[in-house]
Amino acid sequence: MNEKELFDKGCFLPCWAEDTEDTPTPGLKVYTRQNKDLQTLLDELADIKNRIQDIQAKQWHLAKLIHYHENNFAND
């Protein structure tokens, strides 16, 4: 009997139940714990703080430009 005949009769081969797909499921990521020393964590925190301050400065500058634009201070 060939595989099609077995399938039609409801007989399933054990190899059909094996997972042949080796690609990981999209969206799933295995979390690996990273142990860092205190100084490394403090340096990363300082970098994050600096990025936040830069973003706040850009936000303030954009708000100022929008204010000038909305109040017709810009030259046409």
N, C-alpha and C. Protein backbone atom coordinates (compact mmCIF):
# COMPACT_ATOMS: atom_id res chain seq x y z
N MET A 1 0.83 -1.18 0.00
CA MET A 1 0.00 0.00 0.00
C MET A 1 0.87 1.25 0.00
N ASN A 2 0.45 2.23 -0.74
CA ASN A 2 1.21 3.48 -0.72
C ASN A 2 0.64 4.40 0.37
N GLU A 3 1.29 5.54 0.56
CA GLU A 3 0.90 6.45 1.64
C GLU A 3 -0.50 7.02 1.44
N LYS A 4 -0.87 7.27 0.20
CA LYS A 4 -2.21 7.82 -0.07
C LYS A 4 -3.29 6.82 0.32
N GLU A 5 -3.11 5.57 0.01
CA GLU A 5 -4.09 4.55 0.36
C GLU A 5 -4.20 4.41 1.88
N LEU A 6 -3.05 4.47 2.57
CA LEU A 6 -3.06 4.41 4.03
C LEU A 6 -3.81 5.60 4.61
N PHE A 7 -3.58 6.76 4.05
CA PHE A 7 -4.24 7.97 4.53
C PHE A 7 -5.75 7.88 4.31
N ASP A 8 -6.15 7.42 3.14
CA ASP A 8 -7.57 7.29 2.82
C ASP A 8 -8.28 6.31 3.76
N LYS A 9 -7.57 5.29 4.24
CA LYS A 9 -8.17 4.30 5.14
C LYS A 9 -8.09 4.73 6.60
N GLY A 10 -7.48 5.91 6.86
CA GLY A 10 -7.40 6.39 8.24
C GLY A 10 -6.20 5.88 9.00
N CYS A 11 -5.25 5.28 8.32
CA CYS A 11 -4.03 4.80 8.96
C CYS A 11 -2.97 5.88 8.80
N PHE A 12 -2.42 6.31 9.89
CA PHE A 12 -1.41 7.35 9.84
C PHE A 12 -0.05 6.80 10.23
N LEU A 13 0.94 7.11 9.44
CA LEU A 13 2.29 6.68 9.73
C LEU A 13 2.87 7.53 10.85
N PRO A 14 3.73 6.95 11.70
CA PRO A 14 4.33 7.74 12.80
C PRO A 14 5.14 8.93 12.30
N CYS A 15 5.72 8.83 11.13
CA CYS A 15 6.54 9.93 10.64
C CYS A 15 5.69 11.15 10.29
N TRP A 16 4.38 10.96 10.08
CA TRP A 16 3.51 12.08 9.77
C TRP A 16 3.29 12.98 10.99
N ALA A 17 3.49 12.48 12.16
CA ALA A 17 3.29 13.25 13.38
C ALA A 17 4.53 14.03 13.79
N GLU A 18 5.65 13.81 13.10
CA GLU A 18 6.88 14.50 13.45
C GLU A 18 6.83 15.94 12.96
N ASP A 19 7.43 16.81 13.73
CA ASP A 19 7.50 18.22 13.35
C ASP A 19 8.70 18.40 12.44
N THR A 20 8.43 18.72 11.20
CA THR A 20 9.53 18.88 10.24
C THR A 20 9.90 20.33 10.04
N GLU A 21 9.14 21.25 10.61
CA GLU A 21 9.42 22.67 10.43
C GLU A 21 10.38 23.13 11.52
N ASP A 22 11.55 23.62 11.10
CA ASP A 22 12.57 24.05 12.05
C ASP A 22 12.57 25.56 12.27
N THR A 23 11.76 26.28 11.52
CA THR A 23 11.76 27.73 11.66
C THR A 23 10.98 28.13 12.91
N PRO A 24 11.50 29.08 13.66
CA PRO A 24 10.80 29.51 14.88
C PRO A 24 9.53 30.28 14.52
N THR A 25 8.60 30.27 15.44
CA THR A 25 7.35 30.97 15.25
C THR A 25 7.60 32.47 15.32
N PRO A 26 7.10 33.23 14.35
CA PRO A 26 7.31 34.68 14.40
C PRO A 26 6.68 35.28 15.64
N GLY A 27 7.37 36.23 16.21
CA GLY A 27 6.84 36.89 17.41
C GLY A 27 7.31 36.27 18.70
N LEU A 28 7.81 35.05 18.64
CA LEU A 28 8.31 34.42 19.85
C LEU A 28 9.82 34.63 19.94
N LYS A 29 10.25 35.08 21.06
CA LYS A 29 11.67 35.31 21.26
C LYS A 29 12.04 34.74 22.62
N VAL A 30 13.07 33.98 22.64
CA VAL A 30 13.51 33.39 23.90
C VAL A 30 14.28 34.46 24.67
N TYR A 31 13.86 34.68 25.89
CA TYR A 31 14.52 35.67 26.74
C TYR A 31 15.72 35.03 27.41
N THR A 32 16.86 35.63 27.20
CA THR A 32 18.06 35.16 27.88
C THR A 32 18.44 36.22 28.92
N ARG A 33 18.62 35.78 30.10
CA ARG A 33 18.94 36.69 31.19
C ARG A 33 20.38 37.18 31.05
N GLN A 34 20.54 38.47 31.22
CA GLN A 34 21.87 39.06 31.14
C GLN A 34 22.20 39.67 32.49
N ASN A 35 23.18 39.13 33.14
CA ASN A 35 23.62 39.67 34.41
C ASN A 35 24.69 40.72 34.13
N LYS A 36 24.43 41.94 34.63
CA LYS A 36 25.38 43.03 34.42
C LYS A 36 25.78 43.58 35.78
N ASP A 37 26.98 44.12 35.82
CA ASP A 37 27.41 44.70 37.08
C ASP A 37 26.77 46.08 37.27
N LEU A 38 26.86 46.60 38.47
CA LEU A 38 26.18 47.84 38.83
C LEU A 38 26.66 49.01 37.98
N GLN A 39 27.94 49.10 37.72
CA GLN A 39 28.47 50.23 36.96
C GLN A 39 27.93 50.23 35.52
N THR A 40 27.83 49.06 34.92
CA THR A 40 27.28 48.95 33.57
C THR A 40 25.83 49.41 33.56
N LEU A 41 25.06 48.99 34.56
CA LEU A 41 23.66 49.39 34.64
C LEU A 41 23.53 50.90 34.85
N LEU A 42 24.40 51.47 35.69
CA LEU A 42 24.37 52.92 35.91
C LEU A 42 24.74 53.69 34.64
N ASP A 43 25.70 53.17 33.89
CA ASP A 43 26.07 53.81 32.62
C ASP A 43 24.92 53.76 31.62
N GLU A 44 24.25 52.62 31.55
CA GLU A 44 23.10 52.50 30.64
C GLU A 44 21.98 53.44 31.08
N LEU A 45 21.78 53.57 32.37
CA LEU A 45 20.76 54.47 32.89
C LEU A 45 21.09 55.92 32.55
N ALA A 46 22.36 56.28 32.66
CA ALA A 46 22.78 57.64 32.31
C ALA A 46 22.56 57.90 30.82
N ASP A 47 22.83 56.91 29.97
CA ASP A 47 22.58 57.06 28.54
C ASP A 47 21.09 57.28 28.26
N ILE A 48 20.26 56.52 28.95
CA ILE A 48 18.81 56.66 28.78
C ILE A 48 18.36 58.05 29.23
N LYS A 49 18.90 58.51 30.34
CA LYS A 49 18.56 59.84 30.85
C LYS A 49 18.97 60.91 29.84
N ASN A 50 20.16 60.78 29.26
CA ASN A 50 20.62 61.75 28.26
C ASN A 50 19.73 61.74 27.02
N ARG A 51 19.31 60.55 26.58
CA ARG A 51 18.42 60.47 25.42
C ARG A 51 17.08 61.14 25.72
N ILE A 52 16.57 60.93 26.93
CA ILE A 52 15.30 61.55 27.32
C ILE A 52 15.44 63.07 27.33
N GLN A 53 16.55 63.58 27.85
CA GLN A 53 16.77 65.02 27.87
C GLN A 53 16.88 65.58 26.46
N ASP A 54 17.55 64.85 25.55
CA ASP A 54 17.64 65.29 24.16
C ASP A 54 16.27 65.34 23.50
N ILE A 55 15.46 64.33 23.77
CA ILE A 55 14.12 64.29 23.20
C ILE A 55 13.26 65.42 23.75
N GLN A 56 13.39 65.70 25.04
CA GLN A 56 12.63 66.79 25.64
C GLN A 56 13.05 68.14 25.05
N ALA A 57 14.35 68.31 24.79
CA ALA A 57 14.83 69.55 24.18
C ALA A 57 14.27 69.69 22.76
N LYS A 58 14.26 68.61 22.00
CA LYS A 58 13.70 68.66 20.65
C LYS A 58 12.20 68.95 20.70
N GLN A 59 11.51 68.34 21.66
CA GLN A 59 10.08 68.55 21.81
C GLN A 59 9.79 70.01 22.13
N TRP A 60 10.58 70.60 23.02
CA TRP A 60 10.40 72.01 23.38
C TRP A 60 10.63 72.89 22.16
N HIS A 61 11.67 72.59 21.40
CA HIS A 61 11.98 73.38 20.20
C HIS A 61 10.85 73.28 19.18
N LEU A 62 10.31 72.08 18.97
CA LEU A 62 9.20 71.92 18.03
C LEU A 62 7.96 72.65 18.53
N ALA A 63 7.69 72.59 19.82
CA ALA A 63 6.54 73.30 20.38
C ALA A 63 6.70 74.80 20.16
N LYS A 64 7.90 75.31 20.31
CA LYS A 64 8.17 76.73 20.10
C LYS A 64 7.95 77.10 18.63
N LEU A 65 8.40 76.26 17.70
CA LEU A 65 8.19 76.51 16.28
C LEU A 65 6.71 76.48 15.92
N ILE A 66 5.98 75.53 16.50
CA ILE A 66 4.54 75.44 16.24
C ILE A 66 3.84 76.68 16.77
N HIS A 67 4.25 77.14 17.95
CA HIS A 67 3.67 78.34 18.54
C HIS A 67 3.89 79.54 17.62
N TYR A 68 5.10 79.71 17.11
CA TYR A 68 5.39 80.80 16.19
C TYR A 68 4.58 80.68 14.90
N HIS A 69 4.46 79.47 14.41
CA HIS A 69 3.71 79.25 13.17
C HIS A 69 2.22 79.54 13.36
N GLU A 70 1.65 79.08 14.46
CA GLU A 70 0.22 79.29 14.71
C GLU A 70 -0.12 80.75 14.99
N ASN A 71 0.83 81.50 15.51
CA ASN A 71 0.58 82.92 15.83
C ASN A 71 1.09 83.85 14.73
N ASN A 72 1.35 83.30 13.57
CA ASN A 72 1.76 84.06 12.38
C ASN A 72 3.03 84.90 12.60
N PHE A 73 3.94 84.39 13.39
CA PHE A 73 5.22 85.06 13.55
C PHE A 73 6.18 84.70 12.41
N ALA A 74 5.83 83.68 11.67
CA ALA A 74 6.68 83.25 10.56
C ALA A 74 6.47 84.20 9.39
N ASN A 75 7.55 84.45 8.67
CA ASN A 75 7.46 85.31 7.50
C ASN A 75 6.83 84.55 6.36
N ASP A 76 5.87 85.14 5.71
CA ASP A 76 5.21 84.49 4.58
C ASP A 76 5.91 84.83 3.29
